[in-house]
Amino acid sequence: AGTLVAVPLFLLLAPLPLAAYAGVLLAAIAVGIWACGASARKLGVHDHGGIVWDEIAGFLLAMLLMAPTLANVVAGFLLF
């Protein structure tokens, strides 16, 4: 489910210059580490299925140098 959320986010970020995309990605990873850790502690489960931020950040990382074409998005979605 997280990857489905990441696809439109990637399409919004793809036109940015590489440095800006990478900055947003690094911020997403940093915030995600904190938020997922806090959520897991509150839920009392180390890797709750509802915590999908890692899927979102992972897809954005996998697509970092990819052109926003339909073929690339589908390949990234299926291979990620």
PDB file of N, CA and C in Angstrom:
ATOM      1  N   ALA A   1       0.820  -1.194   0.000  1.00  0.00           N
ATOM      2  CA  ALA A   1       0.000   0.000   0.000  1.00  0.00           C
ATOM      3  C   ALA A   1       0.866   1.262   0.000  1.00  0.00           C
ATOM      4  N   GLY A   2       1.995   1.199   0.677  1.00  0.00           N
ATOM      5  CA  GLY A   2       2.859   2.371   0.736  1.00  0.00           C
ATOM      6  C   GLY A   2       3.423   2.754  -0.615  1.00  0.00           C
ATOM      7  N   THR A   3       3.717   1.756  -1.427  1.00  0.00           N
ATOM      8  CA  THR A   3       4.262   2.041  -2.752  1.00  0.00           C
ATOM      9  C   THR A   3       3.232   2.725  -3.633  1.00  0.00           C
ATOM     10  N   LEU A   4       1.965   2.365  -3.461  1.00  0.00           N
ATOM     11  CA  LEU A   4       0.909   3.042  -4.234  1.00  0.00           C
ATOM     12  C   LEU A   4       0.843   4.519  -3.887  1.00  0.00           C
ATOM     13  N   VAL A   5       1.097   4.840  -2.640  1.00  0.00           N
ATOM     14  CA  VAL A   5       1.135   6.251  -2.220  1.00  0.00           C
ATOM     15  C   VAL A   5       2.376   6.928  -2.779  1.00  0.00           C
ATOM     16  N   ALA A   6       3.458   6.175  -2.884  1.00  0.00           N
ATOM     17  CA  ALA A   6       4.727   6.747  -3.335  1.00  0.00           C
ATOM     18  C   ALA A   6       4.732   7.103  -4.821  1.00  0.00           C
ATOM     19  N   VAL A   7       3.955   6.400  -5.627  1.00  0.00           N
ATOM     20  CA  VAL A   7       3.968   6.653  -7.074  1.00  0.00           C
ATOM     21  C   VAL A   7       3.568   8.090  -7.398  1.00  0.00           C
ATOM     22  N   PRO A   8       2.407   8.582  -6.940  1.00  0.00           N
ATOM     23  CA  PRO A   8       2.085   9.981  -7.261  1.00  0.00           C
ATOM     24  C   PRO A   8       3.051  10.973  -6.613  1.00  0.00           C
ATOM     25  N   LEU A   9       3.571  10.621  -5.459  1.00  0.00           N
ATOM     26  CA  LEU A   9       4.557  11.494  -4.822  1.00  0.00           C
ATOM     27  C   LEU A   9       5.817  11.580  -5.684  1.00  0.00           C
ATOM     28  N   PHE A  10       6.245  10.449  -6.219  1.00  0.00           N
ATOM     29  CA  PHE A  10       7.395  10.454  -7.135  1.00  0.00           C
ATOM     30  C   PHE A  10       7.121  11.326  -8.354  1.00  0.00           C
ATOM     31  N   LEU A  11       5.939  11.187  -8.912  1.00  0.00           N
ATOM     32  CA  LEU A  11       5.605  11.964 -10.115  1.00  0.00           C
ATOM     33  C   LEU A  11       5.592  13.464  -9.824  1.00  0.00           C
ATOM     34  N   LEU A  12       5.252  13.838  -8.598  1.00  0.00           N
ATOM     35  CA  LEU A  12       5.307  15.252  -8.205  1.00  0.00           C
ATOM     36  C   LEU A  12       6.747  15.729  -8.001  1.00  0.00           C
ATOM     37  N   LEU A  13       7.584  14.843  -7.469  1.00  0.00           N
ATOM     38  CA  LEU A  13       8.962  15.232  -7.165  1.00  0.00           C
ATOM     39  C   LEU A  13       9.906  15.110  -8.363  1.00  0.00           C
ATOM     40  N   ALA A  14       9.585  14.252  -9.321  1.00  0.00           N
ATOM     41  CA  ALA A  14      10.482  13.961 -10.443  1.00  0.00           C
ATOM     42  C   ALA A  14      10.948  15.199 -11.224  1.00  0.00           C
ATOM     43  N   PRO A  15      10.105  16.209 -11.419  1.00  0.00           N
ATOM     44  CA  PRO A  15      10.585  17.374 -12.182  1.00  0.00           C
ATOM     45  C   PRO A  15      11.608  18.234 -11.432  1.00  0.00           C
ATOM     46  N   LEU A  16      11.789  18.000 -10.145  1.00  0.00           N
ATOM     47  CA  LEU A  16      12.738  18.801  -9.374  1.00  0.00           C
ATOM     48  C   LEU A  16      14.167  18.505  -9.815  1.00  0.00           C
ATOM     49  N   PRO A  17      15.058  19.470  -9.621  1.00  0.00           N
ATOM     50  CA  PRO A  17      16.481  19.181  -9.849  1.00  0.00           C
ATOM     51  C   PRO A  17      16.927  18.051  -8.914  1.00  0.00           C
ATOM     52  N   LEU A  18      17.939  17.318  -9.312  1.00  0.00           N
ATOM     53  CA  LEU A  18      18.404  16.171  -8.534  1.00  0.00           C
ATOM     54  C   LEU A  18      18.710  16.538  -7.085  1.00  0.00           C
ATOM     55  N   ALA A  19      19.354  17.664  -6.869  1.00  0.00           N
ATOM     56  CA  ALA A  19      19.709  18.063  -5.502  1.00  0.00           C
ATOM     57  C   ALA A  19      18.459  18.300  -4.653  1.00  0.00           C
ATOM     58  N   ALA A  20      17.435  18.906  -5.229  1.00  0.00           N
ATOM     59  CA  ALA A  20      16.198  19.153  -4.489  1.00  0.00           C
ATOM     60  C   ALA A  20      15.472  17.840  -4.193  1.00  0.00           C
ATOM     61  N   TYR A  21      15.410  16.964  -5.196  1.00  0.00           N
ATOM     62  CA  TYR A  21      14.779  15.650  -5.002  1.00  0.00           C
ATOM     63  C   TYR A  21      15.504  14.901  -3.889  1.00  0.00           C
ATOM     64  N   ALA A  22      16.838  14.888  -3.941  1.00  0.00           N
ATOM     65  CA  ALA A  22      17.627  14.192  -2.924  1.00  0.00           C
ATOM     66  C   ALA A  22      17.420  14.813  -1.545  1.00  0.00           C
ATOM     67  N   GLY A  23      17.295  16.129  -1.484  1.00  0.00           N
ATOM     68  CA  GLY A  23      17.039  16.793  -0.200  1.00  0.00           C
ATOM     69  C   GLY A  23      15.698  16.400   0.388  1.00  0.00           C
ATOM     70  N   VAL A  24      14.672  16.361  -0.454  1.00  0.00           N
ATOM     71  CA  VAL A  24      13.348  15.930   0.005  1.00  0.00           C
ATOM     72  C   VAL A  24      13.411  14.478   0.449  1.00  0.00           C
ATOM     73  N   LEU A  25      14.122  13.657  -0.299  1.00  0.00           N
ATOM     74  CA  LEU A  25      14.259  12.243   0.050  1.00  0.00           C
ATOM     75  C   LEU A  25      14.966  12.070   1.390  1.00  0.00           C
ATOM     76  N   LEU A  26      16.063  12.780   1.595  1.00  0.00           N
ATOM     77  CA  LEU A  26      16.779  12.690   2.870  1.00  0.00           C
ATOM     78  C   LEU A  26      15.911  13.163   4.029  1.00  0.00           C
ATOM     79  N   ALA A  27      15.152  14.219   3.821  1.00  0.00           N
ATOM     80  CA  ALA A  27      14.246  14.696   4.858  1.00  0.00           C
ATOM     81  C   ALA A  27      13.169  13.649   5.151  1.00  0.00           C
ATOM     82  N   ALA A  28      12.638  13.030   4.098  1.00  0.00           N
ATOM     83  CA  ALA A  28      11.611  12.000   4.272  1.00  0.00           C
ATOM     84  C   ALA A  28      12.164  10.809   5.052  1.00  0.00           C
ATOM     85  N   ILE A  29      13.400  10.437   4.759  1.00  0.00           N
ATOM     86  CA  ILE A  29      14.025   9.325   5.485  1.00  0.00           C
ATOM     87  C   ILE A  29      14.225   9.687   6.953  1.00  0.00           C
ATOM     88  N   ALA A  30      14.753  10.886   7.204  1.00  0.00           N
ATOM     89  CA  ALA A  30      15.003  11.308   8.581  1.00  0.00           C
ATOM     90  C   ALA A  30      13.710  11.399   9.394  1.00  0.00           C
ATOM     91  N   VAL A  31      12.704  12.034   8.833  1.00  0.00           N
ATOM     92  CA  VAL A  31      11.419  12.146   9.529  1.00  0.00           C
ATOM     93  C   VAL A  31      10.792  10.762   9.696  1.00  0.00           C
ATOM     94  N   GLY A  32      10.940   9.925   8.675  1.00  0.00           N
ATOM     95  CA  GLY A  32      10.371   8.589   8.729  1.00  0.00           C
ATOM     96  C   GLY A  32      10.991   7.731   9.817  1.00  0.00           C
ATOM     97  N   ILE A  33      12.307   7.825   9.992  1.00  0.00           N
ATOM     98  CA  ILE A  33      12.968   7.058  11.057  1.00  0.00           C
ATOM     99  C   ILE A  33      12.375   7.438  12.401  1.00  0.00           C
ATOM    100  N   TRP A  34      12.241   8.720  12.640  1.00  0.00           N
ATOM    101  CA  TRP A  34      11.670   9.167  13.914  1.00  0.00           C
ATOM    102  C   TRP A  34      10.204   8.754  14.036  1.00  0.00           C
ATOM    103  N   ALA A  35       9.405   9.032  13.018  1.00  0.00           N
ATOM    104  CA  ALA A  35       7.959   8.779  13.091  1.00  0.00           C
ATOM    105  C   ALA A  35       7.654   7.284  13.204  1.00  0.00           C
ATOM    106  N   CYS A  36       8.351   6.469  12.444  1.00  0.00           N
ATOM    107  CA  CYS A  36       8.105   5.022  12.501  1.00  0.00           C
ATOM    108  C   CYS A  36       8.532   4.457  13.851  1.00  0.00           C
ATOM    109  N   GLY A  37       9.641   4.943  14.375  1.00  0.00           N
ATOM    110  CA  GLY A  37      10.084   4.504  15.701  1.00  0.00           C
ATOM    111  C   GLY A  37       9.087   4.888  16.775  1.00  0.00           C
ATOM    112  N   ALA A  38       8.608   6.127  16.728  1.00  0.00           N
ATOM    113  CA  ALA A  38       7.630   6.580  17.720  1.00  0.00           C
ATOM    114  C   ALA A  38       6.323   5.803  17.594  1.00  0.00           C
ATOM    115  N   SER A  39       5.895   5.554  16.378  1.00  0.00           N
ATOM    116  CA  SER A  39       4.652   4.797  16.154  1.00  0.00           C
ATOM    117  C   SER A  39       4.791   3.358  16.643  1.00  0.00           C
ATOM    118  N   ALA A  40       5.915   2.741  16.349  1.00  0.00           N
ATOM    119  CA  ALA A  40       6.138   1.361  16.789  1.00  0.00           C
ATOM    120  C   ALA A  40       6.148   1.266  18.307  1.00  0.00           C
ATOM    121  N   ARG A  41       6.762   2.244  18.966  1.00  0.00           N
ATOM    122  CA  ARG A  41       6.768   2.236  20.437  1.00  0.00           C
ATOM    123  C   ARG A  41       5.361   2.390  20.989  1.00  0.00           C
ATOM    124  N   LYS A  42       4.570   3.308  20.404  1.00  0.00           N
ATOM    125  CA  LYS A  42       3.196   3.504  20.873  1.00  0.00           C
ATOM    126  C   LYS A  42       2.330   2.280  20.636  1.00  0.00           C
ATOM    127  N   LEU A  43       2.538   1.621  19.494  1.00  0.00           N
ATOM    128  CA  LEU A  43       1.752   0.434  19.164  1.00  0.00           C
ATOM    129  C   LEU A  43       2.249  -0.801  19.896  1.00  0.00           C
ATOM    130  N   GLY A  44       3.473  -0.751  20.382  1.00  0.00           N
ATOM    131  CA  GLY A  44       4.054  -1.888  21.070  1.00  0.00           C
ATOM    132  C   GLY A  44       4.429  -3.035  20.143  1.00  0.00           C
ATOM    133  N   VAL A  45       4.586  -2.725  18.869  1.00  0.00           N
ATOM    134  CA  VAL A  45       4.951  -3.728  17.865  1.00  0.00           C
ATOM    135  C   VAL A  45       6.130  -3.181  17.072  1.00  0.00           C
ATOM    136  N   HIS A  46       7.166  -3.997  16.917  1.00  0.00           N
ATOM    137  CA  HIS A  46       8.375  -3.506  16.250  1.00  0.00           C
ATOM    138  C   HIS A  46       8.134  -3.129  14.795  1.00  0.00           C
ATOM    139  N   ASP A  47       7.457  -3.953  14.033  1.00  0.00           N
ATOM    140  CA  ASP A  47       7.253  -3.685  12.606  1.00  0.00           C
ATOM    141  C   ASP A  47       5.781  -3.891  12.251  1.00  0.00           C
ATOM    142  N   HIS A  48       4.942  -2.992  12.736  1.00  0.00           N
ATOM    143  CA  HIS A  48       3.501  -3.076  12.491  1.00  0.00           C
ATOM    144  C   HIS A  48       3.215  -2.934  10.998  1.00  0.00           C
ATOM    145  N   GLY A  49       2.286  -3.735  10.488  1.00  0.00           N
ATOM    146  CA  GLY A  49       1.943  -3.710   9.072  1.00  0.00           C
ATOM    147  C   GLY A  49       1.397  -2.383   8.588  1.00  0.00           C
ATOM    148  N   GLY A  50       0.872  -1.572   9.485  1.00  0.00           N
ATOM    149  CA  GLY A  50       0.327  -0.273   9.108  1.00  0.00           C
ATOM    150  C   GLY A  50       1.385   0.806   8.929  1.00  0.00           C
ATOM    151  N   ILE A  51       2.597   0.509   9.322  1.00  0.00           N
ATOM    152  CA  ILE A  51       3.691   1.475   9.161  1.00  0.00           C
ATOM    153  C   ILE A  51       4.334   1.203   7.807  1.00  0.00           C
ATOM    154  N   VAL A  52       4.047   2.065   6.845  1.00  0.00           N
ATOM    155  CA  VAL A  52       4.505   1.833   5.469  1.00  0.00           C
ATOM    156  C   VAL A  52       5.448   2.925   4.958  1.00  0.00           C
ATOM    157  N   TRP A  53       5.903   3.777   5.851  1.00  0.00           N
ATOM    158  CA  TRP A  53       6.775   4.872   5.415  1.00  0.00           C
ATOM    159  C   TRP A  53       8.045   4.349   4.757  1.00  0.00           C
ATOM    160  N   ASP A  54       8.537   3.193   5.224  1.00  0.00           N
ATOM    161  CA  ASP A  54       9.736   2.623   4.623  1.00  0.00           C
ATOM    162  C   ASP A  54       9.498   2.259   3.158  1.00  0.00           C
ATOM    163  N   GLU A  55       8.299   1.839   2.820  1.00  0.00           N
ATOM    164  CA  GLU A  55       7.970   1.533   1.428  1.00  0.00           C
ATOM    165  C   GLU A  55       7.962   2.804   0.576  1.00  0.00           C
ATOM    166  N   ILE A  56       7.428   3.869   1.143  1.00  0.00           N
ATOM    167  CA  ILE A  56       7.373   5.146   0.422  1.00  0.00           C
ATOM    168  C   ILE A  56       8.786   5.668   0.174  1.00  0.00           C
ATOM    169  N   ALA A  57       9.579   5.741   1.247  1.00  0.00           N
ATOM    170  CA  ALA A  57      10.949   6.249   1.120  1.00  0.00           C
ATOM    171  C   ALA A  57      11.785   5.331   0.234  1.00  0.00           C
ATOM    172  N   GLY A  58      11.582   4.035   0.339  1.00  0.00           N
ATOM    173  CA  GLY A  58      12.339   3.084  -0.475  1.00  0.00           C
ATOM    174  C   GLY A  58      12.041   3.226  -1.953  1.00  0.00           C
ATOM    175  N   PHE A  59      10.776   3.420  -2.283  1.00  0.00           N
ATOM    176  CA  PHE A  59      10.417   3.618  -3.690  1.00  0.00           C
ATOM    177  C   PHE A  59      11.022   4.915  -4.208  1.00  0.00           C
ATOM    178  N   LEU A  60      10.934   5.972  -3.429  1.00  0.00           N
ATOM    179  CA  LEU A  60      11.513   7.248  -3.865  1.00  0.00           C
ATOM    180  C   LEU A  60      13.020   7.133  -4.055  1.00  0.00           C
ATOM    181  N   LEU A  61      13.680   6.356  -3.197  1.00  0.00           N
ATOM    182  CA  LEU A  61      15.117   6.125  -3.352  1.00  0.00           C
ATOM    183  C   LEU A  61      15.398   5.309  -4.612  1.00  0.00           C
ATOM    184  N   ALA A  62      14.622   4.256  -4.823  1.00  0.00           N
ATOM    185  CA  ALA A  62      14.822   3.413  -6.003  1.00  0.00           C
ATOM    186  C   ALA A  62      14.627   4.199  -7.298  1.00  0.00           C
ATOM    187  N   MET A  63      13.768   5.199  -7.271  1.00  0.00           N
ATOM    188  CA  MET A  63      13.455   5.976  -8.469  1.00  0.00           C
ATOM    189  C   MET A  63      14.297   7.245  -8.595  1.00  0.00           C
ATOM    190  N   LEU A  64      15.245   7.431  -7.711  1.00  0.00           N
ATOM    191  CA  LEU A  64      16.029   8.667  -7.636  1.00  0.00           C
ATOM    192  C   LEU A  64      16.582   9.124  -8.990  1.00  0.00           C
ATOM    193  N   LEU A  65      17.158   8.239  -9.748  1.00  0.00           N
ATOM    194  CA  LEU A  65      17.783   8.623 -11.015  1.00  0.00           C
ATOM    195  C   LEU A  65      16.983   8.171 -12.230  1.00  0.00           C
ATOM    196  N   MET A  66      15.733   7.797 -12.016  1.00  0.00           N
ATOM    197  CA  MET A  66      14.895   7.291 -13.094  1.00  0.00           C
ATOM    198  C   MET A  66      14.027   8.408 -13.671  1.00  0.00           C
ATOM    199  N   ALA A  67      13.824   8.359 -14.964  1.00  0.00           N
ATOM    200  CA  ALA A  67      12.906   9.299 -15.617  1.00  0.00           C
ATOM    201  C   ALA A  67      11.475   8.893 -15.257  1.00  0.00           C
ATOM    202  N   PRO A  68      10.595   9.863 -15.128  1.00  0.00           N
ATOM    203  CA  PRO A  68       9.213   9.560 -14.732  1.00  0.00           C
ATOM    204  C   PRO A  68       8.357   9.040 -15.892  1.00  0.00           C
ATOM    205  N   THR A  69       8.794   7.963 -16.510  1.00  0.00           N
ATOM    206  CA  THR A  69       8.022   7.363 -17.594  1.00  0.00           C
ATOM    207  C   THR A  69       7.145   6.256 -17.030  1.00  0.00           C
ATOM    208  N   LEU A  70       6.105   5.910 -17.769  1.00  0.00           N
ATOM    209  CA  LEU A  70       5.213   4.846 -17.334  1.00  0.00           C
ATOM    210  C   LEU A  70       5.977   3.534 -17.157  1.00  0.00           C
ATOM    211  N   ALA A  71       6.853   3.223 -18.095  1.00  0.00           N
ATOM    212  CA  ALA A  71       7.627   1.984 -18.018  1.00  0.00           C
ATOM    213  C   ALA A  71       8.504   1.948 -16.765  1.00  0.00           C
ATOM    214  N   ASN A  72       9.153   3.065 -16.437  1.00  0.00           N
ATOM    215  CA  ASN A  72      10.008   3.118 -15.253  1.00  0.00           C
ATOM    216  C   ASN A  72       9.198   3.011 -13.970  1.00  0.00           C
ATOM    217  N   VAL A  73       8.062   3.683 -13.925  1.00  0.00           N
ATOM    218  CA  VAL A  73       7.218   3.626 -12.730  1.00  0.00           C
ATOM    219  C   VAL A  73       6.705   2.212 -12.516  1.00  0.00           C
ATOM    220  N   VAL A  74       6.250   1.573 -13.569  1.00  0.00           N
ATOM    221  CA  VAL A  74       5.746   0.199 -13.449  1.00  0.00           C
ATOM    222  C   VAL A  74       6.880  -0.733 -13.037  1.00  0.00           C
ATOM    223  N   ALA A  75       8.040  -0.601 -13.664  1.00  0.00           N
ATOM    224  CA  ALA A  75       9.185  -1.436 -13.301  1.00  0.00           C
ATOM    225  C   ALA A  75       9.588  -1.197 -11.861  1.00  0.00           C
ATOM    226  N   GLY A  76       9.660   0.045 -11.440  1.00  0.00           N
ATOM    227  CA  GLY A  76      10.001   0.362 -10.053  1.00  0.00           C
ATOM    228  C   GLY A  76       8.990  -0.197  -9.084  1.00  0.00           C
ATOM    229  N   PHE A  77       7.722  -0.113  -9.440  1.00  0.00           N
ATOM    230  CA  PHE A  77       6.667  -0.644  -8.572  1.00  0.00           C
ATOM    231  C   PHE A  77       6.762  -2.158  -8.471  1.00  0.00           C
ATOM    232  N   LEU A  78       6.958  -2.827  -9.603  1.00  0.00           N
ATOM    233  CA  LEU A  78       6.990  -4.294  -9.591  1.00  0.00           C
ATOM    234  C   LEU A  78       8.276  -4.839  -8.982  1.00  0.00           C
ATOM    235  N   LEU A  79       9.376  -4.167  -9.202  1.00  0.00           N
ATOM    236  CA  LEU A  79      10.654  -4.666  -8.697  1.00  0.00           C
ATOM    237  C   LEU A  79      10.952  -4.232  -7.275  1.00  0.00           C
ATOM    238  N   PHE A  80      10.309  -3.170  -6.826  1.00  0.00           N
ATOM    239  CA  PHE A  80      10.543  -2.717  -5.469  1.00  0.00           C
ATOM    240  C   PHE A  80       9.758  -3.607  -4.556  1.00  0.00           C
TER     241      PHE A  80
END
